[in-house]
Protein backbone atom coordinates (compact mmCIF):
# COMPACT_ATOMS: atom_id res chain seq x y z
CA MET A 1 112.45 80.22 60.11
CA PRO A 2 111.97 81.57 63.64
CA GLU A 3 111.90 85.33 64.15
CA ARG A 4 115.28 86.58 65.40
CA TYR A 5 115.60 89.14 68.17
CA ASP A 6 118.46 90.77 70.01
CA VAL A 7 116.61 90.08 73.26
CA VAL A 8 113.75 87.74 74.13
CA ILE A 9 112.26 88.34 77.58
CA LEU A 10 110.35 85.56 79.32
CA GLY A 11 107.68 87.35 81.33
CA GLY A 12 106.06 90.77 80.97
CA GLY A 13 105.87 91.70 84.64
CA SER A 14 107.63 94.63 86.32
CA GLY A 15 111.14 93.44 85.51
CA GLY A 16 110.27 92.15 82.05
CA TYR A 17 108.36 95.08 80.61
CA VAL A 18 110.84 97.65 81.99
CA ALA A 19 113.69 95.62 80.48
CA ALA A 20 111.87 95.71 77.14
CA ILE A 21 111.36 99.48 77.31
CA ARG A 22 115.03 100.08 78.11
CA ALA A 23 116.07 97.64 75.38
CA GLY A 24 114.02 99.65 72.89
CA GLN A 25 115.71 102.86 74.01
CA LEU A 26 119.05 101.19 73.37
CA GLY A 27 118.04 100.08 69.87
CA LEU A 28 117.69 96.37 70.60
CA ARG A 29 115.06 94.36 68.75
CA THR A 30 113.02 92.85 71.55
CA ALA A 31 110.21 90.36 72.14
CA VAL A 32 108.31 89.87 75.39
CA VAL A 33 106.69 86.48 75.97
CA GLU A 34 103.75 86.72 78.37
CA ALA A 35 101.18 84.05 79.23
CA ASP A 36 98.68 86.47 80.77
CA LYS A 37 98.73 90.27 80.64
CA VAL A 38 101.78 92.51 80.60
CA GLY A 39 102.28 94.12 83.98
CA GLY A 40 102.56 90.81 85.82
CA THR A 41 101.76 90.08 89.44
CA CYS A 42 102.37 93.62 90.71
CA LEU A 43 99.91 95.23 88.36
CA HIS A 44 97.21 92.58 88.19
CA ARG A 45 97.36 90.56 91.43
CA GLY A 46 99.64 92.43 93.82
CA CYS A 47 100.90 95.96 94.41
CA ILE A 48 98.35 97.96 92.46
CA PRO A 49 94.99 96.27 93.17
CA THR A 50 95.80 95.79 96.86
CA LYS A 51 96.81 99.44 97.24
CA ALA A 52 93.62 100.52 95.49
CA LEU A 53 91.57 98.62 98.07
CA LEU A 54 93.76 99.86 100.92
CA GLN A 55 93.23 103.44 99.74
CA SER A 56 89.47 102.94 100.02
CA ALA A 57 89.92 101.46 103.50
CA ALA A 58 92.17 104.34 104.60
CA LEU A 59 89.54 106.87 103.50
CA LEU A 60 86.88 104.89 105.37
CA ASP A 61 88.98 105.06 108.55
CA GLN A 62 89.52 108.81 108.13
CA VAL A 63 85.83 109.52 107.64
CA ARG A 64 84.91 107.46 110.69
CA ASP A 65 87.47 109.32 112.78
CA GLY A 66 86.65 112.73 111.31
CA HIS A 67 84.85 113.81 114.49
CA ARG A 68 88.29 114.22 116.09
CA LEU A 69 88.90 117.07 113.63
CA GLY A 70 85.43 118.50 113.88
CA VAL A 71 84.01 116.68 110.85
CA THR A 72 81.08 114.38 111.55
CA ALA A 73 79.64 112.13 108.84
CA ALA A 74 76.47 110.19 109.55
CA ASP A 75 75.69 106.68 108.35
CA VAL A 76 79.18 105.95 107.04
CA SER A 77 79.24 102.68 105.12
CA PHE A 78 81.55 100.74 102.83
CA ASP A 79 80.45 99.52 99.40
CA TYR A 80 82.85 96.72 98.51
CA GLY A 81 81.40 96.44 95.03
CA VAL A 82 82.24 100.04 94.22
CA ALA A 83 85.72 99.70 95.75
CA ALA A 84 86.34 96.53 93.74
CA SER A 85 85.14 98.21 90.55
CA ARG A 86 87.51 101.10 91.17
CA ARG A 87 90.32 98.62 91.87
CA ASP A 88 89.74 97.03 88.48
CA SER A 89 89.54 100.43 86.77
CA VAL A 90 92.88 101.48 88.24
CA VAL A 91 94.48 98.23 87.08
CA THR A 92 93.04 98.54 83.56
CA THR A 93 94.23 102.13 83.20
CA LEU A 94 97.79 101.23 84.18
CA TRP A 95 97.75 98.02 82.11
CA LYS A 96 96.79 99.95 78.98
CA GLY A 97 99.58 102.37 79.80
CA VAL A 98 102.13 99.55 79.93
CA GLU A 99 100.88 98.19 76.61
CA GLY A 100 101.31 101.65 75.11
CA LEU A 101 104.84 101.98 76.46
CA LEU A 102 105.82 98.62 74.97
CA ALA A 103 104.38 99.60 71.62
CA LYS A 104 106.25 102.92 71.76
CA SER A 105 109.45 100.95 72.41
CA ARG A 106 108.71 98.74 69.37
CA ALA A 107 108.75 95.63 71.53
CA THR A 108 106.86 92.65 70.15
CA THR A 109 104.52 91.00 72.66
CA VAL A 110 104.15 87.27 72.06
CA PRO A 111 101.21 85.65 73.93
CA GLY A 112 101.92 82.31 75.56
CA ARG A 113 104.34 80.60 77.91
CA GLY A 114 108.00 80.72 76.93
CA ARG A 115 110.48 77.88 77.34
CA ILE A 116 114.19 77.86 76.55
CA ALA A 117 114.61 75.01 74.04
CA GLY A 118 118.31 75.32 73.29
CA LYS A 119 121.04 77.88 72.78
CA GLY A 120 119.32 81.04 71.62
CA GLN A 121 116.00 79.27 71.10
CA VAL A 122 112.67 79.99 72.78
CA VAL A 123 109.51 78.01 72.17
CA VAL A 124 106.20 79.65 73.05
CA THR A 125 103.31 77.41 74.10
CA SER A 126 99.66 78.44 74.10
CA ASP A 127 96.55 76.29 74.48
CA GLY A 128 98.84 73.36 75.30
CA GLU A 129 100.67 73.40 71.97
CA ASP A 130 104.06 74.71 70.82
CA ARG A 131 103.01 77.45 68.43
CA VAL A 132 105.88 79.92 68.03
CA GLU A 133 109.66 79.64 67.85
CA LEU A 134 111.88 82.62 68.52
CA ALA A 135 115.61 82.98 67.94
CA ALA A 136 117.39 85.11 70.52
CA ASP A 137 120.91 86.45 70.78
CA ASN A 138 120.12 87.02 74.45
CA ILE A 139 117.39 85.80 76.79
CA VAL A 140 116.17 87.54 79.94
CA VAL A 141 114.25 85.36 82.41
CA ALA A 142 111.67 87.50 84.22
CA THR A 143 109.14 84.86 85.20
CA GLY A 144 108.27 86.26 88.63
CA SER A 145 106.90 84.32 91.59
CA ARG A 146 103.73 82.82 93.05
CA PRO A 147 102.31 82.52 96.58
CA ARG A 148 103.79 79.68 98.61
CA GLN A 149 101.41 76.94 99.70
CA VAL A 150 101.48 75.10 103.01
CA ARG A 151 101.05 71.33 102.92
CA GLY A 152 97.71 70.50 104.45
CA LEU A 153 96.45 74.05 103.89
CA GLU A 154 96.36 74.10 100.11
CA SER A 155 94.12 76.85 98.77
CA ASP A 156 90.61 76.04 97.59
CA GLY A 157 89.71 79.55 96.45
CA SER A 158 86.84 80.02 98.88
CA VAL A 159 87.87 79.19 102.47
CA VAL A 160 91.64 78.68 102.35
CA LEU A 161 93.10 81.46 100.24
CA THR A 162 96.31 82.74 98.73
CA SER A 163 96.71 86.48 98.28
CA ASP A 164 95.71 86.09 94.62
CA GLU A 165 92.33 84.70 95.65
CA ALA A 166 91.80 86.96 98.66
CA LEU A 167 92.18 89.98 96.42
CA PHE A 168 89.18 89.03 94.30
CA LEU A 169 86.67 87.80 96.87
CA ASP A 170 83.08 88.79 96.15
CA SER A 171 82.73 90.42 99.56
CA VAL A 172 84.61 91.22 102.74
CA PRO A 173 84.68 88.11 104.96
CA PRO A 174 83.04 88.55 108.38
CA SER A 175 86.10 86.99 110.01
CA ALA A 176 89.58 85.97 108.91
CA ILE A 177 92.67 84.18 110.15
CA VAL A 178 95.86 85.43 108.49
CA LEU A 179 98.81 83.05 108.62
CA GLY A 180 101.97 85.10 108.24
CA ALA A 181 102.57 88.69 109.33
CA GLY A 182 104.87 89.83 106.56
CA ALA A 183 103.90 92.64 104.20
CA VAL A 184 101.13 90.69 102.46
CA GLY A 185 99.62 89.38 105.69
CA VAL A 186 99.52 92.70 107.52
CA GLU A 187 98.12 94.54 104.49
CA PHE A 188 95.19 92.14 104.17
CA ALA A 189 94.68 92.12 107.94
CA SER A 190 94.57 95.92 107.89
CA PHE A 191 92.15 96.11 104.96
CA TRP A 192 89.77 93.50 106.32
CA ARG A 193 89.73 95.08 109.77
CA SER A 194 89.00 98.53 108.36
CA THR A 195 86.08 97.11 106.40
CA GLY A 196 84.51 95.22 109.28
CA SER A 197 86.18 91.81 109.66
CA GLU A 198 87.25 90.22 112.91
CA VAL A 199 90.90 89.45 112.17
CA THR A 200 93.48 87.23 113.88
CA LEU A 201 97.12 87.37 112.75
CA VAL A 202 99.25 84.28 113.39
CA GLU A 203 103.03 84.72 113.10
CA MET A 204 105.72 82.18 113.94
CA ALA A 205 108.33 84.86 114.64
CA PRO A 206 108.26 86.76 117.95
CA ARG A 207 106.91 89.95 116.30
CA LEU A 208 104.94 91.23 113.35
CA VAL A 209 106.76 92.10 110.10
CA PRO A 210 109.80 90.08 111.21
CA LEU A 211 112.00 91.29 108.34
CA GLU A 212 111.67 94.88 109.53
CA ASP A 213 113.48 96.54 112.43
CA ALA A 214 112.31 95.06 115.73
CA ALA A 215 110.99 98.40 116.99
CA VAL A 216 108.76 98.67 113.91
CA GLY A 217 107.21 95.29 114.63
CA VAL A 218 106.53 96.26 118.23
CA GLU A 219 104.88 99.53 117.21
CA LEU A 220 102.77 97.87 114.52
CA ARG A 221 101.45 95.29 116.97
CA LYS A 222 100.55 98.03 119.44
CA GLN A 223 98.60 99.96 116.81
CA PHE A 224 96.99 96.83 115.31
CA GLU A 225 95.75 95.68 118.71
CA ARG A 226 94.39 99.17 119.35
CA ARG A 227 92.40 98.73 116.13
CA GLY A 228 91.03 95.39 117.35
CA ILE A 229 93.27 93.02 115.38
CA THR A 230 94.27 89.98 117.46
CA CYS A 231 98.02 89.36 117.08
CA LEU A 232 99.41 85.94 118.01
CA VAL A 233 103.21 86.02 117.71
CA GLY A 234 105.61 83.19 118.44
CA ALA A 235 102.71 81.01 117.34
CA THR A 236 102.36 77.98 115.09
CA LEU A 237 99.28 76.85 113.23
CA ASP A 238 99.01 73.07 112.93
CA PRO A 239 97.70 72.22 109.43
CA SER A 240 96.62 68.76 110.59
CA THR A 241 94.04 70.38 112.85
CA ALA A 242 92.33 72.31 110.05
CA GLU A 243 88.66 71.47 109.75
CA ARG A 244 86.35 73.05 107.20
CA ASN A 245 82.85 73.56 108.57
CA GLU A 246 79.66 75.45 107.89
CA GLY A 247 81.17 78.65 109.28
CA GLY A 248 84.37 78.41 107.27
CA ILE A 249 87.39 76.82 108.93
CA ALA A 250 88.65 75.93 112.41
CA VAL A 251 92.35 75.51 113.26
CA THR A 252 94.47 75.00 116.35
CA VAL A 253 97.18 77.55 117.12
CA ARG A 254 99.89 76.96 119.71
CA THR A 255 102.29 79.28 121.44
CA GLU A 256 104.97 78.34 123.95
CA ASP A 257 102.48 77.99 126.77
CA THR A 258 99.00 78.17 125.23
CA GLU A 259 96.81 76.33 122.77
CA GLN A 260 93.58 77.66 121.30
CA ARG A 261 91.05 76.76 118.69
CA LEU A 262 90.31 79.52 116.17
CA GLN A 263 87.28 79.76 113.91
CA ALA A 264 86.91 82.10 110.93
CA ALA A 265 85.13 82.42 107.61
CA VAL A 266 88.43 82.37 105.70
CA LEU A 267 92.08 81.54 106.24
CA LEU A 268 94.66 83.51 104.26
CA VAL A 269 98.00 81.74 103.83
CA ALA A 270 100.59 84.53 103.48
CA VAL A 271 103.90 82.77 104.15
CA GLY A 272 105.95 84.15 101.28
CA ARG A 273 106.40 83.53 97.58
CA ALA A 274 108.27 81.01 95.42
CA GLY A 275 110.11 81.86 92.19
CA ASN A 276 108.69 80.55 88.91
CA VAL A 277 111.75 78.64 87.74
CA GLU A 278 110.27 75.24 86.89
CA ASP A 279 109.59 73.90 83.41
CA ILE A 280 111.10 76.79 81.48
CA GLY A 281 114.23 74.98 80.31
CA LEU A 282 116.74 76.47 82.74
CA GLU A 283 118.54 73.24 83.58
CA LYS A 284 118.84 72.20 79.95
CA ALA A 285 120.27 75.61 79.10
CA GLY A 286 122.91 75.32 81.83
CA VAL A 287 121.40 77.98 84.11
CA ALA A 288 122.29 77.44 87.77
CA VAL A 289 119.32 77.44 90.13
CA ASP A 290 119.93 77.45 93.89
CA HIS A 291 117.01 76.78 96.26
CA GLY A 292 114.50 77.89 93.67
CA ARG A 293 116.38 81.03 92.63
CA VAL A 294 118.32 81.76 89.47
CA THR A 295 121.91 82.61 90.40
CA VAL A 296 123.06 85.87 88.80
CA ASP A 297 126.05 88.21 88.93
CA GLY A 298 126.09 91.99 89.31
CA GLU A 299 124.99 92.45 85.70
CA GLN A 300 122.12 89.97 86.18
CA ARG A 301 123.85 87.34 84.01
CA SER A 302 123.25 83.71 84.88
CA SER A 303 125.77 80.88 84.61
CA ALA A 304 124.79 80.56 80.94
CA PRO A 305 126.59 83.36 79.04
CA THR A 306 123.64 84.64 76.97
CA ILE A 307 120.92 84.21 79.60
CA SER A 308 120.15 86.84 82.25
CA ALA A 309 117.50 86.87 84.97
CA VAL A 310 115.74 89.63 86.88
CA GLY A 311 113.10 90.07 89.56
CA ASP A 312 111.49 87.58 91.91
CA CYS A 313 112.94 84.50 90.19
CA THR A 314 116.41 85.64 91.37
CA GLY A 315 115.41 85.91 95.06
CA GLY A 316 116.37 88.71 97.42
CA PHE A 317 113.70 91.33 98.00
CA LEU A 318 110.62 90.29 96.01
CA LEU A 319 109.66 93.82 95.05
CA ALA A 320 108.49 95.34 91.78
CA HIS A 321 110.86 98.32 91.96
CA LYS A 322 113.83 96.03 92.53
CA ALA A 323 112.82 93.99 89.47
CA MET A 324 112.53 97.17 87.40
CA HIS A 325 116.05 98.29 88.29
CA GLU A 326 117.40 94.82 87.57
CA GLY A 327 115.66 94.84 84.19
CA VAL A 328 117.49 98.03 83.25
CA ILE A 329 120.82 96.61 84.45
CA ALA A 330 120.35 93.39 82.47
CA VAL A 331 119.67 95.01 79.10
CA GLU A 332 122.31 97.70 79.57
CA ALA A 333 124.84 94.92 80.11
CA ILE A 334 123.54 93.13 77.01
CA ALA A 335 123.94 96.36 75.03
CA GLY A 336 127.61 96.56 76.04
CA ARG A 337 127.31 99.21 78.68
CA GLU A 338 128.76 98.83 82.16
CA PRO A 339 125.81 99.27 84.55
CA HIS A 340 126.46 99.57 88.24
CA PRO A 341 125.20 96.50 90.17
CA LEU A 342 122.16 97.03 92.37
CA ASP A 343 123.13 97.29 96.04
CA ALA A 344 120.54 95.50 98.17
CA HIS A 345 121.07 98.12 100.89
CA LEU A 346 119.69 100.74 98.50
CA VAL A 347 116.42 98.88 97.88
CA THR A 348 113.54 100.59 99.65
CA ARG A 349 110.73 98.54 101.25
CA THR A 350 107.19 99.79 101.78
CA THR A 351 104.13 98.25 103.42
CA TYR A 352 100.72 99.89 103.05
CA CYS A 353 98.84 98.73 106.13
CA THR A 354 97.58 101.26 108.66
CA PRO A 355 100.01 102.52 109.90
CA GLN A 356 102.33 102.40 106.89
CA ILE A 357 105.92 101.15 107.05
CA ALA A 358 108.93 102.27 105.02
CA SER A 359 112.51 101.14 105.37
CA LEU A 360 115.95 101.00 103.81
CA GLY A 361 119.19 99.23 104.66
CA LEU A 362 120.08 97.42 107.86
CA SER A 363 117.96 97.08 110.96
CA GLU A 364 119.55 97.86 114.31
CA ALA A 365 120.01 94.13 115.03
CA GLU A 366 121.46 93.46 111.57
CA ALA A 367 123.93 96.32 112.03
CA HIS A 368 125.10 94.85 115.35
CA ASP A 369 125.38 91.38 113.81
CA ALA A 370 127.51 92.80 110.99
CA GLY A 371 129.99 94.19 113.53
CA HIS A 372 129.22 97.89 113.15
CA ASP A 373 129.73 100.49 115.86
CA VAL A 374 126.01 101.14 116.06
CA SER A 375 124.47 104.49 116.95
CA VAL A 376 120.72 105.00 116.74
CA GLY A 377 118.51 108.06 116.53
CA VAL A 378 114.74 107.84 117.00
CA PHE A 379 112.20 110.64 116.64
CA PRO A 380 108.55 109.97 117.57
CA PHE A 381 105.84 111.52 115.44
CA ARG A 382 104.16 112.94 118.51
CA GLY A 383 106.90 115.60 118.35
CA ASN A 384 106.23 116.41 114.69
CA ALA A 385 103.92 119.35 113.94
CA ARG A 386 102.44 117.87 110.76
CA ALA A 387 101.60 114.61 112.53
CA VAL A 388 99.89 116.57 115.30
CA VAL A 389 97.92 118.61 112.74
CA TRP A 390 96.85 115.39 111.04
CA GLY A 391 95.91 113.85 114.35
CA GLU A 392 98.19 110.90 113.49
CA THR A 393 100.93 110.93 116.11
CA GLY A 394 101.63 107.19 116.33
CA GLY A 395 104.94 105.85 115.08
CA PHE A 396 108.45 107.18 114.59
CA ALA A 397 111.43 107.68 112.30
CA LYS A 398 114.62 105.80 113.14
CA VAL A 399 118.14 106.18 111.76
CA VAL A 400 120.73 103.45 112.28
CA ALA A 401 124.31 104.68 111.84
CA ASP A 402 127.91 103.60 112.30
CA GLY A 403 129.60 105.82 114.84
CA SER A 404 133.09 104.97 113.60
CA THR A 405 132.55 105.59 109.88
CA ASN A 406 129.82 108.23 110.28
CA SER A 407 127.68 106.41 107.72
CA VAL A 408 123.93 105.80 107.61
CA LEU A 409 123.26 102.05 107.72
CA GLY A 410 119.47 102.02 107.74
CA VAL A 411 116.33 104.12 107.98
CA HIS A 412 113.05 102.78 109.39
CA ILE A 413 109.75 104.65 109.56
CA ILE A 414 106.28 103.68 110.74
CA GLY A 415 103.32 106.03 110.75
CA HIS A 416 100.70 107.82 108.67
CA GLU A 417 101.53 107.99 104.93
CA VAL A 418 105.24 107.38 105.56
CA THR A 419 105.78 105.36 102.38
CA GLU A 420 106.15 108.71 100.60
CA LEU A 421 109.11 109.65 102.82
CA ILE A 422 111.59 106.89 102.04
CA TYR A 423 112.82 108.16 98.67
CA GLY A 424 114.75 110.96 100.40
CA PRO A 425 116.81 108.54 102.52
CA ALA A 426 117.22 106.35 99.42
CA LEU A 427 118.79 109.25 97.52
CA GLY A 428 120.90 110.05 100.55
CA ALA A 429 122.11 106.45 100.76
CA LEU A 430 123.03 106.46 97.07
CA LEU A 431 125.06 109.63 97.63
CA GLU A 432 126.55 108.20 100.85
CA SER A 433 125.13 110.94 103.05
CA THR A 434 126.11 111.08 106.70
CA PRO A 435 123.70 111.60 109.60
CA PHE A 436 124.98 115.18 109.82
CA GLU A 437 124.13 115.80 106.16
CA MET A 438 120.69 114.27 106.64
CA SER A 439 120.07 116.60 109.55
CA ARG A 440 121.27 119.71 107.70
CA ALA A 441 119.10 119.19 104.62
CA VAL A 442 116.38 121.82 105.07
CA ALA A 443 113.00 120.12 105.43
CA PRO A 444 109.90 122.32 105.01
CA HIS A 445 107.76 123.03 108.07
CA PRO A 446 105.32 121.60 108.90
CA THR A 447 105.92 118.26 107.14
CA LEU A 448 106.55 114.70 108.23
CA SER A 449 109.94 114.90 106.49
CA GLU A 450 111.22 116.96 109.43
CA ALA A 451 111.10 113.78 111.51
CA LEU A 452 113.85 112.28 109.34
CA ALA A 453 116.14 115.23 110.02
CA GLU A 454 115.33 115.04 113.73
CA ALA A 455 116.06 111.29 113.81
CA ALA A 456 119.41 111.96 112.13
CA MET A 457 120.18 114.62 114.75
CA ALA A 458 119.14 112.17 117.47
CA VAL A 459 121.99 109.84 116.42
CA SER A 460 124.33 112.27 118.20
CA GLY A 461 121.80 113.28 120.85
CA GLU A 462 121.05 116.64 119.22
CA ALA A 463 117.37 116.30 118.25
CA LEU A 464 115.56 119.57 118.90
CA HIS A 465 111.91 118.69 119.46
CA ILE A 466 112.09 115.84 121.96
């Protein structure tokens, strides 16, 4: 007879393992089916290893520029092997931590690939054979996503790369073309440039990081070009022109009025991710899938009553922290609680290139499109004492508000180490803080956080230090 569980979770990534931990806290007997290692894409092929490498690159940049602060280091070099070893050590430490948390929660980890085989039935396949059957009162689909491929530019693991492959190259490529200037593309472009690559970014949209506020994209391009990164926006790369050669790959890129041939050692395809929703039995189980995304309600329930879904396979922001919150919501609903649905406007976004980007809520353009009475406050970091002390005065904090309702609609920040700032606005958004309340929260001096208060004051034209 198959083992019976209150909850069987397909996938042990960010959404899956957090769901299992919360299920254990709620007294639910839980199994997590994972084909690789618990922790998923974020821990093993995404957030954590990339940030480990980016941290090494950021330190390299600081040491090189130390002369501006009176610190001169001779013969500065970058040892990719050491950085890669540290990357792997960081991942292993956190992976072992996740395994320990699952054990503490009494969750059973079942190795293999899970498939829904009928109502309340999960079959686990490993080594090509169906080896385990599980009975589940409830199933949570947390199967994550994978890098999208471009027809004609399919990855080969050496010259044409996805982010998974770029992360584990044996060395830093001497030159790189990055197709796509979203978070993944700009992070790799930033890392490679810091470590010596000649980098060209190719983005179809008219600006970098097109999902961010337009002013952020403009500022990022300015700072990237200052660093020597070539940025081609409003540009298309024709896959039919790709030609692998002794030096790597050559492609033709076109803008509205130009055409040029680019040559590089590698081409990174960073055009988004696709949910892993195929071949796991969703259709047979009556789970609605729309354009590659599992359709869910505010409690993460799918169209099949006992099947929920969380994380990247449900679409929206493909972010680990969003998946974690959804995992908690899903199992709390299963346990009979009444969790509050996750508001997409409360989901923070962070990008760890140099300079960093952090955001929340609506951009200025999105606020206008939604019909709001838009008021905007911007405070440049050149007016912030901590930024001046750091010698990192590029960038700004921006608050988008509704003048009629006196509500904060969005917060957008670009600059040095700003990813650490966004939790404050996130808490404020959860508590429905007004621009006035943001400005009256007492920020310590000198810190970057003062820029958020100043930006909130700037909404009404009352900023003090500009």
